[in-house]
Amino acid sequence: MGTLLRRFLVLFTFLFWQGGFLFYSAVVVPVGQSVLAPPARQSQITMPVTRYLNLIGGITLLMLALDVLRTRDDSRRKTWRWLCWLLMAAGLAALLWLHPRLVEFMDHHDHPSFYPLHRAYLLTSTVQWLAAMAFLLLTLQAWRAEDTSPGRPAVTAGA
């Protein structure tokens, strides 16, 4: 796969996943809370949406792993990229484990077990987002270093 195409797909999937998460958390959830009452009605929208976000996250993580493997980068930065990737993957695994447990309480938000699980879901999502932002920064640095390395041909669609 050409370098430019690989990078485009990495950015596209990353932005689709993280942009979707940011829009969901900053816009969809607050609007849902203001329009839909009680909270159980909002969860009829948020539960299916999070399934899509998690699916997109899995696809994105595959693209990101491919990029870490393919990018010529110094071992220290590559190690940090892998650590961020592992944190995002562990976060996704935790979210996939938590999600069905939250679905069980969809109609019972007053159940004592719901809020600790929901807080864990939100905290996990936040840590995953922070790891994603660090990964993005490290990736941009890795690409710049790869592009400016001596003897490196210019990045083109076929490179």
C-alpha atoms as a PDB file:
ATOM      1  CA  MET A   1       0.000   0.000   0.000  1.00  0.00           C
ATOM      2  CA  GLY A   2       1.406   3.397  -0.902  1.00  0.00           C
ATOM      3  CA  THR A   3       2.535   5.633   1.931  1.00  0.00           C
ATOM      4  CA  LEU A   4       0.154   8.446   1.060  1.00  0.00           C
ATOM      5  CA  LEU A   5      -2.835   6.101   0.749  1.00  0.00           C
ATOM      6  CA  ARG A   6      -1.944   4.371   4.031  1.00  0.00           C
ATOM      7  CA  ARG A   7      -1.683   7.702   5.838  1.00  0.00           C
ATOM      8  CA  PHE A   8      -4.953   8.919   4.330  1.00  0.00           C
ATOM      9  CA  LEU A   9      -6.767   5.770   5.507  1.00  0.00           C
ATOM     10  CA  VAL A  10      -5.186   6.035   8.953  1.00  0.00           C
ATOM     11  CA  LEU A  11      -6.314   9.653   9.314  1.00  0.00           C
ATOM     12  CA  PHE A  12      -9.744   8.974   7.827  1.00  0.00           C
ATOM     13  CA  THR A  13     -10.552   6.076  10.163  1.00  0.00           C
ATOM     14  CA  PHE A  14      -9.002   7.856  13.142  1.00  0.00           C
ATOM     15  CA  LEU A  15     -11.007  11.041  12.512  1.00  0.00           C
ATOM     16  CA  PHE A  16     -14.202   9.078  11.887  1.00  0.00           C
ATOM     17  CA  TRP A  17     -13.765   7.242  15.210  1.00  0.00           C
ATOM     18  CA  GLN A  18     -12.510  10.048  17.412  1.00  0.00           C
ATOM     19  CA  GLY A  19     -14.537  12.766  15.700  1.00  0.00           C
ATOM     20  CA  GLY A  20     -17.623  10.612  16.120  1.00  0.00           C
ATOM     21  CA  PHE A  21     -16.819  10.106  19.789  1.00  0.00           C
ATOM     22  CA  LEU A  22     -16.243  13.809  20.361  1.00  0.00           C
ATOM     23  CA  PHE A  23     -19.441  14.826  18.539  1.00  0.00           C
ATOM     24  CA  TYR A  24     -21.381  12.123  20.365  1.00  0.00           C
ATOM     25  CA  SER A  25     -20.145  13.168  23.810  1.00  0.00           C
ATOM     26  CA  ALA A  26     -20.237  16.943  23.221  1.00  0.00           C
ATOM     27  CA  VAL A  27     -23.463  17.227  21.201  1.00  0.00           C
ATOM     28  CA  VAL A  28     -25.592  14.074  21.019  1.00  0.00           C
ATOM     29  CA  VAL A  29     -25.617  13.262  24.727  1.00  0.00           C
ATOM     30  CA  PRO A  30     -26.405  16.812  25.946  1.00  0.00           C
ATOM     31  CA  VAL A  31     -29.093  17.278  23.272  1.00  0.00           C
ATOM     32  CA  GLY A  32     -30.559  13.900  24.141  1.00  0.00           C
ATOM     33  CA  GLN A  33     -30.666  14.841  27.823  1.00  0.00           C
ATOM     34  CA  SER A  34     -32.447  18.110  27.068  1.00  0.00           C
ATOM     35  CA  VAL A  35     -34.973  16.640  24.622  1.00  0.00           C
ATOM     36  CA  LEU A  36     -35.612  13.105  25.847  1.00  0.00           C
ATOM     37  CA  ALA A  37     -36.910  12.355  29.305  1.00  0.00           C
ATOM     38  CA  PRO A  38     -36.605  10.172  31.317  1.00  0.00           C
ATOM     39  CA  PRO A  39     -32.972   9.043  30.863  1.00  0.00           C
ATOM     40  CA  ALA A  40     -34.154   5.592  29.793  1.00  0.00           C
ATOM     41  CA  ARG A  41     -35.480   7.119  26.554  1.00  0.00           C
ATOM     42  CA  GLN A  42     -32.090   8.650  25.778  1.00  0.00           C
ATOM     43  CA  SER A  43     -30.392   5.297  26.275  1.00  0.00           C
ATOM     44  CA  GLN A  44     -32.535   3.905  23.426  1.00  0.00           C
ATOM     45  CA  ILE A  45     -30.430   6.137  21.174  1.00  0.00           C
ATOM     46  CA  THR A  46     -27.066   6.113  22.955  1.00  0.00           C
ATOM     47  CA  MET A  47     -26.812   2.336  23.352  1.00  0.00           C
ATOM     48  CA  PRO A  48     -26.982   1.548  19.608  1.00  0.00           C
ATOM     49  CA  VAL A  49     -24.724   4.514  18.765  1.00  0.00           C
ATOM     50  CA  THR A  50     -21.998   3.256  21.113  1.00  0.00           C
ATOM     51  CA  ARG A  51     -22.087  -0.121  19.363  1.00  0.00           C
ATOM     52  CA  TYR A  52     -21.185   1.642  16.116  1.00  0.00           C
ATOM     53  CA  LEU A  53     -18.478   3.698  17.812  1.00  0.00           C
ATOM     54  CA  ASN A  54     -16.929   0.530  19.218  1.00  0.00           C
ATOM     55  CA  LEU A  55     -17.057  -1.209  15.820  1.00  0.00           C
ATOM     56  CA  ILE A  56     -15.410   1.790  14.177  1.00  0.00           C
ATOM     57  CA  GLY A  57     -12.834   1.758  16.993  1.00  0.00           C
ATOM     58  CA  GLY A  58     -11.911  -1.844  16.211  1.00  0.00           C
ATOM     59  CA  ILE A  59     -11.448  -1.089  12.517  1.00  0.00           C
ATOM     60  CA  THR A  60      -9.412   2.014  13.355  1.00  0.00           C
ATOM     61  CA  LEU A  61      -7.151   0.107  15.729  1.00  0.00           C
ATOM     62  CA  LEU A  62      -6.320  -2.328  12.925  1.00  0.00           C
ATOM     63  CA  MET A  63      -5.381   0.589  10.660  1.00  0.00           C
ATOM     64  CA  LEU A  64      -3.286   2.190  13.404  1.00  0.00           C
ATOM     65  CA  ALA A  65      -1.419  -1.058  14.089  1.00  0.00           C
ATOM     66  CA  LEU A  66      -0.664  -1.409  10.389  1.00  0.00           C
ATOM     67  CA  ASP A  67       0.715   2.116  10.358  1.00  0.00           C
ATOM     68  CA  VAL A  68       2.963   1.534  13.372  1.00  0.00           C
ATOM     69  CA  LEU A  69       4.316  -1.580  11.686  1.00  0.00           C
ATOM     70  CA  ARG A  70       4.876   0.164   8.343  1.00  0.00           C
ATOM     71  CA  THR A  71       6.253   3.532   9.470  1.00  0.00           C
ATOM     72  CA  ARG A  72      10.035   3.743   9.638  1.00  0.00           C
ATOM     73  CA  ASP A  73      10.493   5.362  13.018  1.00  0.00           C
ATOM     74  CA  ASP A  74      12.958   5.417  15.872  1.00  0.00           C
ATOM     75  CA  SER A  75      12.385   2.647  18.375  1.00  0.00           C
ATOM     76  CA  ARG A  76      11.624   4.971  21.304  1.00  0.00           C
ATOM     77  CA  ARG A  77       8.754   6.778  19.604  1.00  0.00           C
ATOM     78  CA  LYS A  78       7.516   3.487  18.116  1.00  0.00           C
ATOM     79  CA  THR A  79       7.435   2.018  21.629  1.00  0.00           C
ATOM     80  CA  TRP A  80       5.324   4.957  22.842  1.00  0.00           C
ATOM     81  CA  ARG A  81       3.004   4.571  19.859  1.00  0.00           C
ATOM     82  CA  TRP A  82       2.542   0.885  20.697  1.00  0.00           C
ATOM     83  CA  LEU A  83       1.858   1.740  24.341  1.00  0.00           C
ATOM     84  CA  CYS A  84      -0.816   4.253  23.305  1.00  0.00           C
ATOM     85  CA  TRP A  85      -2.246   1.681  20.910  1.00  0.00           C
ATOM     86  CA  LEU A  86      -2.363  -0.943  23.670  1.00  0.00           C
ATOM     87  CA  LEU A  87      -4.120   1.509  25.966  1.00  0.00           C
ATOM     88  CA  MET A  88      -6.703   2.263  23.256  1.00  0.00           C
ATOM     89  CA  ALA A  89      -7.173  -1.461  22.557  1.00  0.00           C
ATOM     90  CA  ALA A  90      -7.505  -2.271  26.258  1.00  0.00           C
ATOM     91  CA  GLY A  91     -10.003   0.567  26.543  1.00  0.00           C
ATOM     92  CA  LEU A  92     -12.010  -0.852  23.657  1.00  0.00           C
ATOM     93  CA  ALA A  93     -11.967  -4.312  25.240  1.00  0.00           C
ATOM     94  CA  ALA A  94     -13.207  -2.812  28.525  1.00  0.00           C
ATOM     95  CA  LEU A  95     -15.945  -0.858  26.731  1.00  0.00           C
ATOM     96  CA  LEU A  96     -17.036  -3.999  24.895  1.00  0.00           C
ATOM     97  CA  TRP A  97     -17.229  -5.807  28.244  1.00  0.00           C
ATOM     98  CA  LEU A  98     -19.071  -2.966  30.004  1.00  0.00           C
ATOM     99  CA  HIS A  99     -21.579  -2.221  27.239  1.00  0.00           C
ATOM    100  CA  PRO A 100     -23.796  -5.332  27.558  1.00  0.00           C
ATOM    101  CA  ARG A 101     -23.843  -4.912  31.335  1.00  0.00           C
ATOM    102  CA  LEU A 102     -25.131  -1.367  30.902  1.00  0.00           C
ATOM    103  CA  VAL A 103     -27.736  -2.552  28.394  1.00  0.00           C
ATOM    104  CA  GLU A 104     -29.163  -4.808  31.118  1.00  0.00           C
ATOM    105  CA  PHE A 105     -30.020  -1.648  33.077  1.00  0.00           C
ATOM    106  CA  MET A 106     -31.459   0.282  30.124  1.00  0.00           C
ATOM    107  CA  ASP A 107     -34.889   0.433  31.736  1.00  0.00           C
ATOM    108  CA  HIS A 108     -33.581   0.571  35.313  1.00  0.00           C
ATOM    109  CA  HIS A 109     -31.289   3.594  35.625  1.00  0.00           C
ATOM    110  CA  ASP A 110     -32.181   3.763  39.297  1.00  0.00           C
ATOM    111  CA  HIS A 111     -30.576   0.360  39.951  1.00  0.00           C
ATOM    112  CA  PRO A 112     -27.602   0.714  42.347  1.00  0.00           C
ATOM    113  CA  SER A 113     -25.234  -1.062  39.935  1.00  0.00           C
ATOM    114  CA  PHE A 114     -25.956   1.210  36.964  1.00  0.00           C
ATOM    115  CA  TYR A 115     -24.071   4.366  37.965  1.00  0.00           C
ATOM    116  CA  PRO A 116     -20.765   2.721  38.966  1.00  0.00           C
ATOM    117  CA  LEU A 117     -20.757   0.832  35.650  1.00  0.00           C
ATOM    118  CA  HIS A 118     -21.667   3.983  33.743  1.00  0.00           C
ATOM    119  CA  ARG A 119     -18.895   5.942  35.474  1.00  0.00           C
ATOM    120  CA  ALA A 120     -16.433   3.181  34.580  1.00  0.00           C
ATOM    121  CA  TYR A 121     -17.604   3.393  30.964  1.00  0.00           C
ATOM    122  CA  LEU A 122     -17.149   7.170  30.890  1.00  0.00           C
ATOM    123  CA  LEU A 123     -13.734   7.020  32.575  1.00  0.00           C
ATOM    124  CA  THR A 124     -12.563   4.299  30.203  1.00  0.00           C
ATOM    125  CA  SER A 125     -13.753   6.334  27.209  1.00  0.00           C
ATOM    126  CA  THR A 126     -11.887   9.380  28.501  1.00  0.00           C
ATOM    127  CA  VAL A 127      -8.628   7.499  29.054  1.00  0.00           C
ATOM    128  CA  GLN A 128      -8.986   5.936  25.610  1.00  0.00           C
ATOM    129  CA  TRP A 129      -9.495   9.402  24.075  1.00  0.00           C
ATOM    130  CA  LEU A 130      -6.393  10.758  25.837  1.00  0.00           C
ATOM    131  CA  ALA A 131      -4.355   7.815  24.551  1.00  0.00           C
ATOM    132  CA  ALA A 132      -5.731   8.482  21.060  1.00  0.00           C
ATOM    133  CA  MET A 133      -4.646  12.123  21.203  1.00  0.00           C
ATOM    134  CA  ALA A 134      -1.152  11.112  22.319  1.00  0.00           C
ATOM    135  CA  PHE A 135      -1.037   8.492  19.565  1.00  0.00           C
ATOM    136  CA  LEU A 136      -2.015  11.089  16.965  1.00  0.00           C
ATOM    137  CA  LEU A 137       0.726  13.476  18.077  1.00  0.00           C
ATOM    138  CA  LEU A 138       3.324  10.699  18.049  1.00  0.00           C
ATOM    139  CA  THR A 139       2.119   9.552  14.634  1.00  0.00           C
ATOM    140  CA  LEU A 140       2.453  13.009  13.109  1.00  0.00           C
ATOM    141  CA  GLN A 141       5.973  13.260  14.557  1.00  0.00           C
ATOM    142  CA  ALA A 142       6.826   9.811  13.191  1.00  0.00           C
ATOM    143  CA  TRP A 143       5.572  10.705   9.733  1.00  0.00           C
ATOM    144  CA  ARG A 144       7.518  13.970   9.720  1.00  0.00           C
ATOM    145  CA  ALA A 145      10.681  12.157  10.808  1.00  0.00           C
ATOM    146  CA  GLU A 146      10.137   9.488   8.176  1.00  0.00           C
ATOM    147  CA  ASP A 147       9.617  12.125   5.459  1.00  0.00           C
ATOM    148  CA  THR A 148      12.734  14.072   6.385  1.00  0.00           C
ATOM    149  CA  SER A 149      15.070  11.115   6.857  1.00  0.00           C
ATOM    150  CA  PRO A 150      18.135  11.218   4.585  1.00  0.00           C
ATOM    151  CA  GLY A 151      17.719   9.366   1.330  1.00  0.00           C
ATOM    152  CA  ARG A 152      13.941   9.137   1.736  1.00  0.00           C
ATOM    153  CA  PRO A 153      12.050   9.653  -1.531  1.00  0.00           C
ATOM    154  CA  ALA A 154       9.172  12.131  -1.560  1.00  0.00           C
ATOM    155  CA  VAL A 155       5.829  10.755  -0.388  1.00  0.00           C
ATOM    156  CA  THR A 156       3.534  10.127  -3.339  1.00  0.00           C
ATOM    157  CA  ALA A 157       0.375   8.142  -3.896  1.00  0.00           C
ATOM    158  CA  GLY A 158       2.427   5.251  -5.254  1.00  0.00           C
ATOM    159  CA  ALA A 159       5.272   5.413  -2.711  1.00  0.00           C
END
